[in-house]
Amino acid sequence: MARIRVKPSRPQAMLGMVMGIVFVGIGLFVVIPIFGPFGIVWTLMAVALTAYFAINVFSSRGFAHTEIEIENGVESQDGEMQFDERLRRLERLREEQLISADEYQRKRDEIMGQQW
């Protein structure tokens, strides 16, 4: 089973970082003076979010917000996925609307042609 880590895109992380800086400023100059302890919690959360997004902006690795697990396909002795498993996966893609009906039919014909 393989895992794929998905992290925010660089523009998305940049926007999150800028918004985090804005919220830190609001926390320091508005929320802490008015609400006291709640303002400290607000500001600390804003600092944490800003740091999270800054790491994703400036680091090539960054933090993933999602992990996707991909099952390894059933494979034959020569390492190729078995015919029936390829058709099942293709059908799942169509059912989940990840491919169009035309793409489905074209790929299905290709798989069927390889089988015979």
C-alpha atoms as a PDB file:
ATOM      1  CA  MET A   1       0.000   0.000   0.000  1.00  0.00           C
ATOM      2  CA  ALA A   2       1.405   3.370  -1.017  1.00  0.00           C
ATOM      3  CA  ARG A   3       0.765   6.713   0.688  1.00  0.00           C
ATOM      4  CA  ILE A   4       0.645  10.030  -1.081  1.00  0.00           C
ATOM      5  CA  ARG A   5       1.032  13.205   0.982  1.00  0.00           C
ATOM      6  CA  VAL A   6      -0.906  16.242  -0.211  1.00  0.00           C
ATOM      7  CA  LYS A   7       0.196  19.639   1.024  1.00  0.00           C
ATOM      8  CA  PRO A   8      -1.292  23.045   0.208  1.00  0.00           C
ATOM      9  CA  SER A   9      -0.114  24.651  -3.015  1.00  0.00           C
ATOM     10  CA  ARG A  10       2.468  27.421  -2.671  1.00  0.00           C
ATOM     11  CA  PRO A  11      -0.062  30.221  -3.485  1.00  0.00           C
ATOM     12  CA  GLN A  12      -2.567  28.735  -1.041  1.00  0.00           C
ATOM     13  CA  ALA A  13       0.098  28.512   1.674  1.00  0.00           C
ATOM     14  CA  MET A  14       1.229  32.099   0.911  1.00  0.00           C
ATOM     15  CA  LEU A  15      -2.348  33.372   1.324  1.00  0.00           C
ATOM     16  CA  GLY A  16      -2.689  31.428   4.588  1.00  0.00           C
ATOM     17  CA  MET A  17       0.574  32.887   5.862  1.00  0.00           C
ATOM     18  CA  VAL A  18      -0.447  36.473   5.009  1.00  0.00           C
ATOM     19  CA  MET A  19      -3.856  35.998   6.634  1.00  0.00           C
ATOM     20  CA  GLY A  20      -2.142  34.493   9.681  1.00  0.00           C
ATOM     21  CA  ILE A  21       0.077  37.575   9.994  1.00  0.00           C
ATOM     22  CA  VAL A  22      -3.039  39.769   9.803  1.00  0.00           C
ATOM     23  CA  PHE A  23      -4.720  37.739  12.561  1.00  0.00           C
ATOM     24  CA  VAL A  24      -1.587  37.912  14.737  1.00  0.00           C
ATOM     25  CA  GLY A  25      -1.685  41.707  14.370  1.00  0.00           C
ATOM     26  CA  ILE A  26      -5.392  41.803  15.238  1.00  0.00           C
ATOM     27  CA  GLY A  27      -4.670  39.607  18.248  1.00  0.00           C
ATOM     28  CA  LEU A  28      -1.817  41.782  19.504  1.00  0.00           C
ATOM     29  CA  PHE A  29      -3.458  45.169  19.026  1.00  0.00           C
ATOM     30  CA  VAL A  30      -7.183  44.495  19.429  1.00  0.00           C
ATOM     31  CA  VAL A  31      -8.102  41.135  20.973  1.00  0.00           C
ATOM     32  CA  ILE A  32      -5.506  40.947  23.789  1.00  0.00           C
ATOM     33  CA  PRO A  33      -6.210  44.484  25.101  1.00  0.00           C
ATOM     34  CA  ILE A  34      -9.990  43.938  25.028  1.00  0.00           C
ATOM     35  CA  PHE A  35     -10.404  40.251  25.981  1.00  0.00           C
ATOM     36  CA  GLY A  36      -7.218  39.466  27.929  1.00  0.00           C
ATOM     37  CA  PRO A  37      -6.650  35.671  28.258  1.00  0.00           C
ATOM     38  CA  PHE A  38      -8.868  34.877  25.265  1.00  0.00           C
ATOM     39  CA  GLY A  39      -6.756  37.289  23.224  1.00  0.00           C
ATOM     40  CA  ILE A  40      -3.607  35.427  24.186  1.00  0.00           C
ATOM     41  CA  VAL A  41      -5.137  32.132  23.051  1.00  0.00           C
ATOM     42  CA  TRP A  42      -6.325  33.808  19.809  1.00  0.00           C
ATOM     43  CA  THR A  43      -2.858  35.190  19.101  1.00  0.00           C
ATOM     44  CA  LEU A  44      -1.074  31.918  19.864  1.00  0.00           C
ATOM     45  CA  MET A  45      -3.398  30.039  17.493  1.00  0.00           C
ATOM     46  CA  ALA A  46      -2.778  32.671  14.812  1.00  0.00           C
ATOM     47  CA  VAL A  47       1.004  32.317  15.326  1.00  0.00           C
ATOM     48  CA  ALA A  48       0.740  28.507  14.984  1.00  0.00           C
ATOM     49  CA  LEU A  49      -1.277  28.766  11.759  1.00  0.00           C
ATOM     50  CA  THR A  50       1.118  31.361  10.366  1.00  0.00           C
ATOM     51  CA  ALA A  51       4.082  29.084  11.138  1.00  0.00           C
ATOM     52  CA  TYR A  52       2.333  26.084   9.506  1.00  0.00           C
ATOM     53  CA  PHE A  53       1.701  27.983   6.284  1.00  0.00           C
ATOM     54  CA  ALA A  54       5.154  29.652   6.332  1.00  0.00           C
ATOM     55  CA  ILE A  55       6.826  26.235   6.496  1.00  0.00           C
ATOM     56  CA  ASN A  56       4.760  25.120   3.486  1.00  0.00           C
ATOM     57  CA  VAL A  57       5.749  28.285   1.594  1.00  0.00           C
ATOM     58  CA  PHE A  58       9.482  28.199   2.291  1.00  0.00           C
ATOM     59  CA  SER A  59      10.166  24.457   2.609  1.00  0.00           C
ATOM     60  CA  SER A  60      10.265  21.960  -0.232  1.00  0.00           C
ATOM     61  CA  ARG A  61       8.872  19.244   2.042  1.00  0.00           C
ATOM     62  CA  GLY A  62       6.311  21.092   4.177  1.00  0.00           C
ATOM     63  CA  PHE A  63       3.405  19.624   6.143  1.00  0.00           C
ATOM     64  CA  ALA A  64       0.726  17.532   4.483  1.00  0.00           C
ATOM     65  CA  HIS A  65      -2.895  18.312   5.218  1.00  0.00           C
ATOM     66  CA  THR A  66      -4.100  15.040   3.657  1.00  0.00           C
ATOM     67  CA  GLU A  67      -2.676  11.573   3.118  1.00  0.00           C
ATOM     68  CA  ILE A  68      -4.096   9.250   0.487  1.00  0.00           C
ATOM     69  CA  GLU A  69      -3.582   5.500   0.714  1.00  0.00           C
ATOM     70  CA  ILE A  70      -3.443   3.642  -2.576  1.00  0.00           C
ATOM     71  CA  GLU A  71      -3.812  -0.105  -2.623  1.00  0.00           C
ATOM     72  CA  ASN A  72      -1.375  -2.024  -4.739  1.00  0.00           C
ATOM     73  CA  GLY A  73      -3.148  -3.732  -7.603  1.00  0.00           C
ATOM     74  CA  VAL A  74      -3.408  -7.443  -8.049  1.00  0.00           C
ATOM     75  CA  GLU A  75      -0.524  -8.274 -10.328  1.00  0.00           C
ATOM     76  CA  SER A  76       0.377 -11.224 -12.457  1.00  0.00           C
ATOM     77  CA  GLN A  77       3.771 -12.922 -12.377  1.00  0.00           C
ATOM     78  CA  ASP A  78       5.239 -10.511 -14.942  1.00  0.00           C
ATOM     79  CA  GLY A  79       4.246  -7.485 -12.828  1.00  0.00           C
ATOM     80  CA  GLU A  80       1.252  -6.324 -14.876  1.00  0.00           C
ATOM     81  CA  MET A  81      -2.153  -5.826 -13.316  1.00  0.00           C
ATOM     82  CA  GLN A  82      -4.597  -8.612 -14.119  1.00  0.00           C
ATOM     83  CA  PHE A  83      -7.193  -8.045 -16.795  1.00  0.00           C
ATOM     84  CA  ASP A  84     -10.264  -8.195 -14.532  1.00  0.00           C
ATOM     85  CA  GLU A  85      -8.701  -5.869 -11.942  1.00  0.00           C
ATOM     86  CA  ARG A  86      -7.929  -3.278 -14.642  1.00  0.00           C
ATOM     87  CA  LEU A  87     -11.573  -3.360 -15.761  1.00  0.00           C
ATOM     88  CA  ARG A  88     -12.822  -3.043 -12.160  1.00  0.00           C
ATOM     89  CA  ARG A  89     -10.603  -0.031 -11.517  1.00  0.00           C
ATOM     90  CA  LEU A  90     -11.716   1.583 -14.738  1.00  0.00           C
ATOM     91  CA  GLU A  91     -15.363   1.035 -13.771  1.00  0.00           C
ATOM     92  CA  ARG A  92     -14.722   2.602 -10.349  1.00  0.00           C
ATOM     93  CA  LEU A  93     -13.226   5.678 -11.997  1.00  0.00           C
ATOM     94  CA  ARG A  94     -16.318   6.042 -14.166  1.00  0.00           C
ATOM     95  CA  GLU A  95     -18.704   5.523 -11.223  1.00  0.00           C
ATOM     96  CA  GLU A  96     -16.879   8.185  -9.204  1.00  0.00           C
ATOM     97  CA  GLN A  97     -17.074  10.477 -12.244  1.00  0.00           C
ATOM     98  CA  LEU A  98     -13.308  10.892 -12.379  1.00  0.00           C
ATOM     99  CA  ILE A  99     -13.344  10.081 -16.097  1.00  0.00           C
ATOM    100  CA  SER A 100     -15.923  10.794 -18.785  1.00  0.00           C
ATOM    101  CA  ALA A 101     -17.981   8.150 -20.558  1.00  0.00           C
ATOM    102  CA  ASP A 102     -15.890   8.654 -23.698  1.00  0.00           C
ATOM    103  CA  GLU A 103     -12.631   8.193 -21.786  1.00  0.00           C
ATOM    104  CA  TYR A 104     -14.077   5.106 -20.110  1.00  0.00           C
ATOM    105  CA  GLN A 105     -15.115   3.534 -23.405  1.00  0.00           C
ATOM    106  CA  ARG A 106     -11.809   4.346 -25.108  1.00  0.00           C
ATOM    107  CA  LYS A 107      -9.754   2.834 -22.248  1.00  0.00           C
ATOM    108  CA  ARG A 108     -12.091  -0.172 -21.975  1.00  0.00           C
ATOM    109  CA  ASP A 109     -11.647  -0.889 -25.690  1.00  0.00           C
ATOM    110  CA  GLU A 110      -7.877  -0.612 -25.228  1.00  0.00           C
ATOM    111  CA  ILE A 111      -7.903  -3.077 -22.315  1.00  0.00           C
ATOM    112  CA  MET A 112     -10.174  -5.483 -24.192  1.00  0.00           C
ATOM    113  CA  GLY A 113      -7.878  -5.289 -27.234  1.00  0.00           C
ATOM    114  CA  GLN A 114      -4.838  -6.174 -25.126  1.00  0.00           C
ATOM    115  CA  GLN A 115      -6.593  -9.184 -23.633  1.00  0.00           C
ATOM    116  CA  TRP A 116      -7.299 -10.825 -26.967  1.00  0.00           C
END
